Amino acid sequence: MPAAPKRAAPLAPEARRASIIAATLPLLRRYGANVTTAQIAVAAGVAEGTLFRAFEDKDALITAAVESAFDPTPTEHDLARIDRALPLRDKLIAAVELLQQRVDSVWSLMMILGRTGPPRPDPKRDIKDYHRDDGLRRAVEVLIEPHADELRYEPVQVARFLRMFTFSGTHPRIADGQPLTSAEIVAVILDGSRIRTDIEDIS
């Protein structure tokens, strides 16, 4: 008689939480805060009671999902995969496209949830957990640094301009409903909008 198949090992608590959050995010984008725990349980492939062993309540689960949407780590990894052999303009266009995807993803979630920003810091957690953009900023700087001799500003400043302009040019309310393309954003950062002349001092 063949042996019965072994049951899959249960996930560790953090892995279980992560899988539930991953299943919750698409539902939040579709239903907003009206999503039910029953819907989440089905999507996560767990019993509804498992949700409440992983999270205190539905609000805690939604908060954790929103926090994960703000997590810059996936974008940092994508930025690190941009081909370093590309010319500066092509590198920056690729970087802006990734940053725009992040802005769009976070903004659409905030819109459907009726929120204006990330969850308020939990007093039980380190405030540094809520300010994790250092890695994202550094990932952009690394793309620019090999081209320092092509620039009028230090790479750290160009990276700052790029991120600020990408956010403002992509956010639908700031961009008046007409978001800029990645190529347009990079053109303004690298080329400016004034006609240059050989006799004009632009330093």
Protein backbone atom coordinates (compact mmCIF):
# COMPACT_ATOMS: atom_id res chain seq x y z
CA MET A 1 0.00 0.00 0.00
CA PRO A 2 1.56 3.31 -1.03
CA ALA A 3 2.43 5.69 1.74
CA ALA A 4 0.15 8.65 2.24
CA PRO A 5 1.56 11.89 0.82
CA LYS A 6 3.25 14.05 3.38
CA ARG A 7 1.54 17.27 4.32
CA ALA A 8 3.39 20.44 3.48
CA ALA A 9 5.23 21.90 6.43
CA PRO A 10 3.36 24.84 7.95
CA LEU A 11 4.79 28.26 7.18
CA ALA A 12 6.73 30.13 9.82
CA PRO A 13 4.72 32.99 11.37
CA GLU A 14 6.48 35.76 9.40
CA ALA A 15 6.18 33.81 6.15
CA ARG A 16 2.48 33.23 6.85
CA ARG A 17 1.96 36.94 7.49
CA ALA A 18 3.80 37.81 4.28
CA SER A 19 1.68 35.40 2.22
CA ILE A 20 -1.54 36.80 3.68
CA ILE A 21 -0.41 40.37 2.97
CA ALA A 22 0.49 39.41 -0.61
CA ALA A 23 -3.01 37.99 -1.08
CA THR A 24 -4.62 41.03 0.54
CA LEU A 25 -3.06 43.79 -1.59
CA PRO A 26 -4.85 42.93 -4.88
CA LEU A 27 -8.14 42.70 -3.01
CA LEU A 28 -7.60 46.10 -1.41
CA ARG A 29 -6.97 47.59 -4.84
CA ARG A 30 -10.26 46.08 -6.04
CA TYR A 31 -12.58 46.46 -3.06
CA GLY A 32 -10.86 48.99 -0.82
CA ALA A 33 -11.55 48.74 2.89
CA ASN A 34 -14.81 46.91 2.11
CA VAL A 35 -12.90 43.71 1.41
CA THR A 36 -13.99 40.95 3.76
CA THR A 37 -11.80 38.66 5.79
CA ALA A 38 -13.58 35.74 4.09
CA GLN A 39 -12.40 37.03 0.69
CA ILE A 40 -8.87 37.44 2.02
CA ALA A 41 -8.84 33.95 3.52
CA VAL A 42 -9.91 32.39 0.21
CA ALA A 43 -7.29 34.34 -1.72
CA ALA A 44 -4.60 33.40 0.80
CA GLY A 45 -5.65 29.76 0.85
CA VAL A 46 -6.12 29.67 4.61
CA ALA A 47 -8.95 29.35 7.08
CA GLU A 48 -10.45 32.65 8.18
CA GLY A 49 -9.38 31.96 11.73
CA THR A 50 -5.76 31.82 10.56
CA LEU A 51 -5.99 35.51 9.67
CA PHE A 52 -6.75 36.39 13.25
CA ARG A 53 -3.90 34.31 14.56
CA ALA A 54 -1.55 36.26 12.29
CA PHE A 55 -3.15 39.69 12.77
CA GLU A 56 -5.06 41.23 15.64
CA ASP A 57 -8.00 42.21 13.45
CA LYS A 58 -8.92 43.28 9.93
CA ASP A 59 -7.66 46.84 10.48
CA ALA A 60 -4.27 45.52 11.57
CA LEU A 61 -4.09 43.39 8.43
CA ILE A 62 -4.97 46.34 6.19
CA THR A 63 -2.38 48.50 7.94
CA ALA A 64 0.28 45.84 7.41
CA ALA A 65 -0.67 45.55 3.74
CA VAL A 66 -0.44 49.32 3.26
CA GLU A 67 2.94 49.36 4.97
CA SER A 68 4.14 46.67 2.56
CA ALA A 69 3.01 48.79 -0.39
CA PHE A 70 5.26 51.59 0.86
CA ASP A 71 8.22 49.23 1.26
CA PRO A 72 10.89 50.41 -1.23
CA THR A 73 12.86 47.15 -1.21
CA PRO A 74 11.35 45.60 -4.39
CA THR A 75 12.02 48.81 -6.32
CA GLU A 76 15.58 48.92 -4.97
CA HIS A 77 16.16 45.42 -6.32
CA ASP A 78 14.71 46.36 -9.72
CA LEU A 79 16.93 49.45 -9.89
CA ALA A 80 19.97 47.29 -9.12
CA ARG A 81 19.17 45.14 -12.17
CA ILE A 82 19.38 48.03 -14.65
CA ASP A 83 22.20 47.40 -17.11
CA ARG A 84 25.23 49.42 -15.96
CA ALA A 85 26.57 49.48 -19.53
CA LEU A 86 23.70 51.66 -20.77
CA PRO A 87 24.26 55.34 -21.55
CA LEU A 88 23.23 57.71 -18.76
CA ARG A 89 20.00 58.82 -20.44
CA ASP A 90 18.84 55.25 -21.00
CA LYS A 91 19.72 54.31 -17.43
CA LEU A 92 17.71 57.19 -16.04
CA ILE A 93 14.71 56.50 -18.25
CA ALA A 94 14.68 52.91 -16.99
CA ALA A 95 15.03 54.15 -13.40
CA VAL A 96 12.22 56.67 -13.76
CA GLU A 97 9.91 54.01 -15.19
CA LEU A 98 10.47 51.92 -12.07
CA LEU A 99 9.97 54.89 -9.76
CA GLN A 100 6.78 55.81 -11.62
CA GLN A 101 5.44 52.29 -11.17
CA ARG A 102 6.03 52.67 -7.45
CA VAL A 103 4.27 56.04 -7.30
CA ASP A 104 1.32 54.72 -9.33
CA SER A 105 1.04 51.60 -7.20
CA VAL A 106 1.06 53.45 -3.89
CA TRP A 107 -1.17 56.29 -5.07
CA SER A 108 -3.85 54.00 -6.51
CA LEU A 109 -3.99 52.08 -3.23
CA MET A 110 -4.24 55.27 -1.18
CA MET A 111 -7.02 56.56 -3.43
CA ILE A 112 -9.25 53.50 -3.08
CA LEU A 113 -8.67 53.42 0.69
CA GLY A 114 -9.35 57.14 1.01
CA ARG A 115 -5.98 57.79 2.63
CA THR A 116 -3.42 60.50 2.02
CA GLY A 117 -0.26 58.82 3.24
CA PRO A 118 1.33 55.86 4.99
CA PRO A 119 -0.02 54.50 8.27
CA ARG A 120 0.82 56.47 11.38
CA PRO A 121 3.87 55.13 13.19
CA ASP A 122 3.16 52.49 15.79
CA PRO A 123 4.67 53.73 19.07
CA LYS A 124 5.85 50.17 19.75
CA ARG A 125 8.02 50.16 16.63
CA ASP A 126 11.28 51.90 15.81
CA ILE A 127 10.54 55.12 13.92
CA LYS A 128 13.34 54.16 11.50
CA ASP A 129 11.09 51.39 10.18
CA TYR A 130 8.95 54.10 8.62
CA HIS A 131 11.78 55.94 6.86
CA ARG A 132 13.39 53.32 4.65
CA ASP A 133 14.02 55.36 1.50
CA ASP A 134 17.78 55.57 2.06
CA GLY A 135 18.32 52.41 0.03
CA LEU A 136 16.09 53.69 -2.77
CA ARG A 137 17.96 56.97 -2.93
CA ARG A 138 21.29 55.18 -2.94
CA ALA A 139 20.18 52.84 -5.73
CA VAL A 140 19.53 55.86 -7.97
CA GLU A 141 22.83 57.49 -7.03
CA VAL A 142 24.75 54.34 -7.96
CA LEU A 143 23.34 54.51 -11.49
CA ILE A 144 24.51 58.11 -11.89
CA GLU A 145 27.94 58.04 -10.23
CA PRO A 146 29.89 56.57 -13.19
CA HIS A 147 28.73 59.57 -15.24
CA ALA A 148 29.81 62.27 -12.80
CA ASP A 149 32.08 63.92 -15.38
CA GLU A 150 29.06 64.47 -17.66
CA LEU A 151 27.14 66.48 -15.06
CA ARG A 152 27.13 70.01 -13.67
CA TYR A 153 25.92 68.75 -10.29
CA GLU A 154 27.09 66.00 -7.98
CA PRO A 155 25.40 62.62 -8.57
CA VAL A 156 23.67 62.83 -5.17
CA GLN A 157 22.02 66.10 -6.22
CA VAL A 158 21.03 64.78 -9.66
CA ALA A 159 19.49 61.73 -7.97
CA ARG A 160 17.55 64.06 -5.68
CA PHE A 161 16.29 66.13 -8.63
CA LEU A 162 15.29 62.96 -10.46
CA ARG A 163 13.30 61.52 -7.57
CA MET A 164 11.56 64.78 -6.73
CA PHE A 165 10.62 65.49 -10.34
CA THR A 166 9.50 61.91 -10.91
CA PHE A 167 7.15 62.08 -7.94
CA SER A 168 5.70 65.47 -8.86
CA GLY A 169 5.50 64.60 -12.56
CA THR A 170 3.78 61.28 -11.91
CA HIS A 171 1.41 62.09 -9.03
CA PRO A 172 -1.94 62.72 -10.80
CA ARG A 173 -2.96 65.62 -8.59
CA ILE A 174 0.37 67.41 -8.80
CA ALA A 175 0.67 66.74 -12.54
CA ASP A 176 -2.87 68.08 -13.20
CA GLY A 177 -3.95 64.71 -14.54
CA GLN A 178 -1.30 64.78 -17.28
CA PRO A 179 1.64 62.72 -15.96
CA LEU A 180 4.97 63.19 -17.66
CA THR A 181 6.61 60.32 -19.48
CA SER A 182 9.89 58.91 -18.24
CA ALA A 183 11.66 60.35 -21.28
CA GLU A 184 10.21 63.82 -20.60
CA ILE A 185 11.32 63.72 -16.96
CA VAL A 186 14.85 62.68 -17.89
CA ALA A 187 15.04 65.29 -20.65
CA VAL A 188 14.23 68.07 -18.20
CA ILE A 189 16.73 66.78 -15.62
CA LEU A 190 19.57 66.29 -18.10
CA ASP A 191 18.88 69.02 -20.65
CA GLY A 192 16.84 71.66 -18.87
CA SER A 193 14.29 73.75 -20.73
CA ARG A 194 16.37 76.76 -21.80
CA ILE A 195 18.18 77.09 -25.10
CA ARG A 196 21.90 77.14 -24.37
CA THR A 197 24.37 79.37 -26.13
CA ASP A 198 28.11 79.20 -26.26
CA ILE A 199 28.49 82.71 -24.85
CA GLU A 200 26.09 82.33 -21.93
CA ASP A 201 27.54 81.42 -18.57
CA ILE A 202 25.38 78.54 -17.30
CA SER A 203 27.57 77.51 -14.40
